[in-house]
Amino acid sequence: MTSDEETLDNYTSPDTQPPIDRSYPDAEQPSLRELEVLQLYACGIPRVLIEKYLKIGKHTVNSHRKNAFAKIGVKNVTHAVAVAIRKGWIE
């Protein structure tokens, strides 16, 4: 078992949507599935393993990622993860 697979074994899906942090007032909270994808990126899981873990295709992972970017108002995964952590949407 690789370290990425071990990380997936310890992963917990976000099942609640916490309140919005006012430090990013224009950010819209992503859907639970979009947050799940961001949480996996935050754990360092590569897209290929996210596809396998969530049982979805590459284009679906990319759609969730891009939709989250648009809602949060960012242009890359690092910034999206940072905002989502700061707002308490993911750990």
N, C-alpha and C. Protein backbone atom coordinates (compact mmCIF):
# COMPACT_ATOMS: atom_id res chain seq x y z
N MET A 1 0.85 -1.18 0.00
CA MET A 1 0.00 0.00 0.00
C MET A 1 0.90 1.24 0.00
N THR A 2 0.61 2.17 -0.91
CA THR A 2 1.39 3.41 -0.98
C THR A 2 0.91 4.39 0.09
N SER A 3 1.71 5.43 0.32
CA SER A 3 1.31 6.43 1.32
C SER A 3 0.05 7.16 0.89
N ASP A 4 -0.14 7.36 -0.43
CA ASP A 4 -1.37 8.00 -0.91
C ASP A 4 -2.58 7.12 -0.59
N GLU A 5 -2.42 5.81 -0.78
CA GLU A 5 -3.53 4.90 -0.49
C GLU A 5 -3.81 4.85 1.01
N GLU A 6 -2.77 4.94 1.83
CA GLU A 6 -2.96 4.98 3.28
C GLU A 6 -3.70 6.25 3.69
N THR A 7 -3.35 7.36 3.04
CA THR A 7 -4.04 8.62 3.31
C THR A 7 -5.52 8.49 2.97
N LEU A 8 -5.82 7.83 1.82
CA LEU A 8 -7.22 7.62 1.44
C LEU A 8 -7.95 6.75 2.46
N ASP A 9 -7.26 5.76 3.03
CA ASP A 9 -7.89 4.91 4.04
C ASP A 9 -8.29 5.71 5.27
N ASN A 10 -7.54 6.77 5.58
CA ASN A 10 -7.81 7.59 6.77
C ASN A 10 -8.67 8.82 6.46
N TYR A 11 -9.07 8.97 5.20
CA TYR A 11 -9.83 10.14 4.77
C TYR A 11 -11.27 10.07 5.27
N THR A 12 -11.79 11.20 5.70
CA THR A 12 -13.20 11.30 6.09
C THR A 12 -13.87 12.36 5.22
N SER A 13 -14.97 12.02 4.65
CA SER A 13 -15.69 12.94 3.78
C SER A 13 -16.35 14.06 4.59
N PRO A 14 -16.31 15.31 4.07
CA PRO A 14 -17.02 16.37 4.78
C PRO A 14 -18.52 16.13 4.68
N ASP A 15 -19.21 16.02 5.80
CA ASP A 15 -20.64 15.72 5.75
C ASP A 15 -21.51 16.86 6.26
N THR A 16 -20.89 17.96 6.61
CA THR A 16 -21.64 19.14 7.01
C THR A 16 -21.03 20.35 6.32
N GLN A 17 -21.77 21.39 6.22
CA GLN A 17 -21.26 22.61 5.62
C GLN A 17 -21.24 23.69 6.69
N PRO A 18 -20.03 24.01 7.22
CA PRO A 18 -19.92 25.02 8.27
C PRO A 18 -20.28 26.42 7.78
N PRO A 19 -20.50 27.35 8.69
CA PRO A 19 -20.84 28.71 8.30
C PRO A 19 -19.69 29.40 7.57
N ILE A 20 -20.04 30.41 6.80
CA ILE A 20 -19.06 31.13 5.98
C ILE A 20 -18.23 32.08 6.84
N ASP A 21 -16.93 32.06 6.64
CA ASP A 21 -15.97 32.99 7.27
C ASP A 21 -16.06 34.31 6.49
N ARG A 22 -16.17 35.41 7.16
CA ARG A 22 -16.34 36.71 6.51
C ARG A 22 -15.07 37.27 5.86
N SER A 23 -13.93 36.58 6.00
CA SER A 23 -12.69 37.10 5.43
C SER A 23 -12.65 36.99 3.90
N TYR A 24 -13.51 36.20 3.31
CA TYR A 24 -13.65 36.10 1.85
C TYR A 24 -15.13 36.30 1.53
N PRO A 25 -15.63 37.53 1.63
CA PRO A 25 -17.07 37.76 1.54
C PRO A 25 -17.70 37.38 0.21
N ASP A 26 -16.92 37.38 -0.88
CA ASP A 26 -17.49 37.06 -2.19
C ASP A 26 -17.49 35.56 -2.49
N ALA A 27 -16.86 34.78 -1.64
CA ALA A 27 -16.77 33.34 -1.88
C ALA A 27 -18.10 32.66 -1.59
N GLU A 28 -18.53 31.84 -2.55
CA GLU A 28 -19.72 31.03 -2.37
C GLU A 28 -19.24 29.64 -1.92
N GLN A 29 -19.93 29.03 -1.00
CA GLN A 29 -19.50 27.72 -0.53
C GLN A 29 -19.72 26.67 -1.60
N PRO A 30 -18.66 25.90 -1.94
CA PRO A 30 -18.80 24.81 -2.91
C PRO A 30 -19.73 23.72 -2.39
N SER A 31 -20.20 22.87 -3.31
CA SER A 31 -21.03 21.73 -2.93
C SER A 31 -20.21 20.75 -2.10
N LEU A 32 -20.89 19.82 -1.45
CA LEU A 32 -20.18 18.82 -0.66
C LEU A 32 -19.22 18.00 -1.52
N ARG A 33 -19.62 17.66 -2.74
CA ARG A 33 -18.74 16.88 -3.62
C ARG A 33 -17.52 17.70 -4.02
N GLU A 34 -17.72 18.98 -4.32
CA GLU A 34 -16.59 19.85 -4.65
C GLU A 34 -15.64 19.98 -3.46
N LEU A 35 -16.21 20.09 -2.26
CA LEU A 35 -15.39 20.14 -1.05
C LEU A 35 -14.65 18.82 -0.83
N GLU A 36 -15.29 17.73 -1.16
CA GLU A 36 -14.65 16.43 -1.01
C GLU A 36 -13.41 16.34 -1.91
N VAL A 37 -13.53 16.82 -3.14
CA VAL A 37 -12.39 16.84 -4.07
C VAL A 37 -11.30 17.75 -3.52
N LEU A 38 -11.66 18.94 -3.04
CA LEU A 38 -10.65 19.84 -2.46
C LEU A 38 -9.98 19.23 -1.24
N GLN A 39 -10.75 18.53 -0.40
CA GLN A 39 -10.18 17.88 0.79
C GLN A 39 -9.14 16.85 0.37
N LEU A 40 -9.43 16.08 -0.65
CA LEU A 40 -8.48 15.07 -1.12
C LEU A 40 -7.22 15.74 -1.67
N TYR A 41 -7.38 16.83 -2.43
CA TYR A 41 -6.21 17.58 -2.90
C TYR A 41 -5.41 18.11 -1.70
N ALA A 42 -6.11 18.58 -0.67
CA ALA A 42 -5.44 19.10 0.52
C ALA A 42 -4.62 18.01 1.22
N CYS A 43 -5.04 16.77 1.10
CA CYS A 43 -4.31 15.64 1.69
C CYS A 43 -3.15 15.20 0.80
N GLY A 44 -2.99 15.85 -0.36
CA GLY A 44 -1.90 15.51 -1.26
C GLY A 44 -2.20 14.35 -2.18
N ILE A 45 -3.47 14.01 -2.32
CA ILE A 45 -3.86 12.90 -3.18
C ILE A 45 -3.87 13.36 -4.64
N PRO A 46 -3.19 12.65 -5.53
CA PRO A 46 -3.20 13.03 -6.94
C PRO A 46 -4.56 12.75 -7.60
N ARG A 47 -4.84 13.47 -8.67
CA ARG A 47 -6.12 13.36 -9.37
C ARG A 47 -6.46 11.92 -9.73
N VAL A 48 -5.49 11.15 -10.20
CA VAL A 48 -5.75 9.77 -10.62
C VAL A 48 -6.32 8.94 -9.46
N LEU A 49 -5.78 9.13 -8.26
CA LEU A 49 -6.31 8.39 -7.12
C LEU A 49 -7.65 8.96 -6.65
N ILE A 50 -7.86 10.26 -6.83
CA ILE A 50 -9.17 10.85 -6.51
C ILE A 50 -10.22 10.21 -7.39
N GLU A 51 -9.92 10.05 -8.68
CA GLU A 51 -10.85 9.39 -9.61
C GLU A 51 -11.21 8.00 -9.11
N LYS A 52 -10.20 7.23 -8.75
CA LYS A 52 -10.44 5.85 -8.30
C LYS A 52 -11.22 5.82 -7.00
N TYR A 53 -10.84 6.67 -6.05
CA TYR A 53 -11.49 6.68 -4.74
C TYR A 53 -12.96 7.08 -4.84
N LEU A 54 -13.24 8.12 -5.64
CA LEU A 54 -14.62 8.60 -5.76
C LEU A 54 -15.40 7.87 -6.85
N LYS A 55 -14.68 7.01 -7.61
CA LYS A 55 -15.29 6.24 -8.70
C LYS A 55 -15.93 7.17 -9.74
N ILE A 56 -15.15 8.19 -10.12
CA ILE A 56 -15.60 9.13 -11.15
C ILE A 56 -14.45 9.33 -12.15
N GLY A 57 -14.76 9.88 -13.30
CA GLY A 57 -13.75 10.08 -14.34
C GLY A 57 -12.94 11.34 -14.15
N LYS A 58 -11.89 11.43 -14.94
CA LYS A 58 -10.98 12.58 -14.89
C LYS A 58 -11.70 13.89 -15.16
N HIS A 59 -12.60 13.88 -16.13
CA HIS A 59 -13.32 15.11 -16.48
C HIS A 59 -14.25 15.55 -15.34
N THR A 60 -14.81 14.59 -14.63
CA THR A 60 -15.69 14.92 -13.50
C THR A 60 -14.88 15.53 -12.36
N VAL A 61 -13.71 14.95 -12.06
CA VAL A 61 -12.84 15.52 -11.03
C VAL A 61 -12.48 16.95 -11.42
N ASN A 62 -12.09 17.15 -12.68
CA ASN A 62 -11.72 18.49 -13.14
C ASN A 62 -12.91 19.46 -13.08
N SER A 63 -14.10 18.98 -13.39
CA SER A 63 -15.30 19.83 -13.30
C SER A 63 -15.56 20.27 -11.87
N HIS A 64 -15.47 19.33 -10.93
CA HIS A 64 -15.67 19.68 -9.52
C HIS A 64 -14.63 20.70 -9.07
N ARG A 65 -13.39 20.50 -9.49
CA ARG A 65 -12.30 21.41 -9.12
C ARG A 65 -12.56 22.80 -9.69
N LYS A 66 -12.89 22.87 -10.98
CA LYS A 66 -13.13 24.17 -11.64
C LYS A 66 -14.36 24.86 -11.07
N ASN A 67 -15.40 24.10 -10.76
CA ASN A 67 -16.61 24.70 -10.16
C ASN A 67 -16.28 25.29 -8.80
N ALA A 68 -15.48 24.58 -8.02
CA ALA A 68 -15.06 25.09 -6.70
C ALA A 68 -14.25 26.37 -6.89
N PHE A 69 -13.34 26.40 -7.85
CA PHE A 69 -12.54 27.60 -8.13
C PHE A 69 -13.46 28.79 -8.41
N ALA A 70 -14.44 28.57 -9.27
CA ALA A 70 -15.35 29.65 -9.66
C ALA A 70 -16.15 30.17 -8.46
N LYS A 71 -16.63 29.26 -7.63
CA LYS A 71 -17.42 29.66 -6.47
C LYS A 71 -16.58 30.41 -5.44
N ILE A 72 -15.34 29.95 -5.26
CA ILE A 72 -14.46 30.57 -4.26
C ILE A 72 -13.82 31.85 -4.81
N GLY A 73 -13.60 31.88 -6.12
CA GLY A 73 -12.98 33.05 -6.74
C GLY A 73 -11.46 32.95 -6.80
N VAL A 74 -10.96 31.73 -7.08
CA VAL A 74 -9.52 31.50 -7.17
C VAL A 74 -9.18 30.84 -8.49
N LYS A 75 -7.86 30.69 -8.76
CA LYS A 75 -7.44 30.12 -10.04
C LYS A 75 -6.59 28.86 -9.93
N ASN A 76 -6.28 28.40 -8.70
CA ASN A 76 -5.48 27.19 -8.58
C ASN A 76 -5.85 26.42 -7.31
N VAL A 77 -5.42 25.16 -7.28
CA VAL A 77 -5.77 24.26 -6.17
C VAL A 77 -5.21 24.77 -4.85
N THR A 78 -3.98 25.24 -4.86
CA THR A 78 -3.36 25.71 -3.62
C THR A 78 -4.18 26.82 -2.98
N HIS A 79 -4.58 27.78 -3.78
CA HIS A 79 -5.37 28.90 -3.25
C HIS A 79 -6.76 28.41 -2.82
N ALA A 80 -7.38 27.54 -3.61
CA ALA A 80 -8.70 27.02 -3.26
C ALA A 80 -8.66 26.28 -1.93
N VAL A 81 -7.63 25.45 -1.74
CA VAL A 81 -7.49 24.69 -0.50
C VAL A 81 -7.26 25.65 0.68
N ALA A 82 -6.41 26.66 0.46
CA ALA A 82 -6.12 27.63 1.53
C ALA A 82 -7.39 28.36 1.97
N VAL A 83 -8.19 28.81 1.02
CA VAL A 83 -9.43 29.52 1.35
C VAL A 83 -10.40 28.57 2.05
N ALA A 84 -10.54 27.35 1.52
CA ALA A 84 -11.48 26.39 2.10
C ALA A 84 -11.09 26.03 3.54
N ILE A 85 -9.79 25.91 3.81
CA ILE A 85 -9.34 25.65 5.18
C ILE A 85 -9.64 26.85 6.07
N ARG A 86 -9.31 28.04 5.58
CA ARG A 86 -9.53 29.25 6.38
C ARG A 86 -11.00 29.45 6.73
N LYS A 87 -11.86 29.09 5.80
CA LYS A 87 -13.29 29.24 6.04
C LYS A 87 -13.87 28.07 6.86
N GLY A 88 -13.07 27.04 7.09
CA GLY A 88 -13.54 25.91 7.87
C GLY A 88 -14.33 24.89 7.08
N TRP A 89 -14.28 24.98 5.76
CA TRP A 89 -15.03 24.03 4.92
C TRP A 89 -14.35 22.68 4.87
N ILE A 90 -13.02 22.68 4.95
CA ILE A 90 -12.26 21.43 4.96
C ILE A 90 -11.19 21.53 6.04
N GLU A 91 -10.55 20.42 6.33
CA GLU A 91 -9.49 20.40 7.34
C GLU A 91 -8.13 20.36 6.68
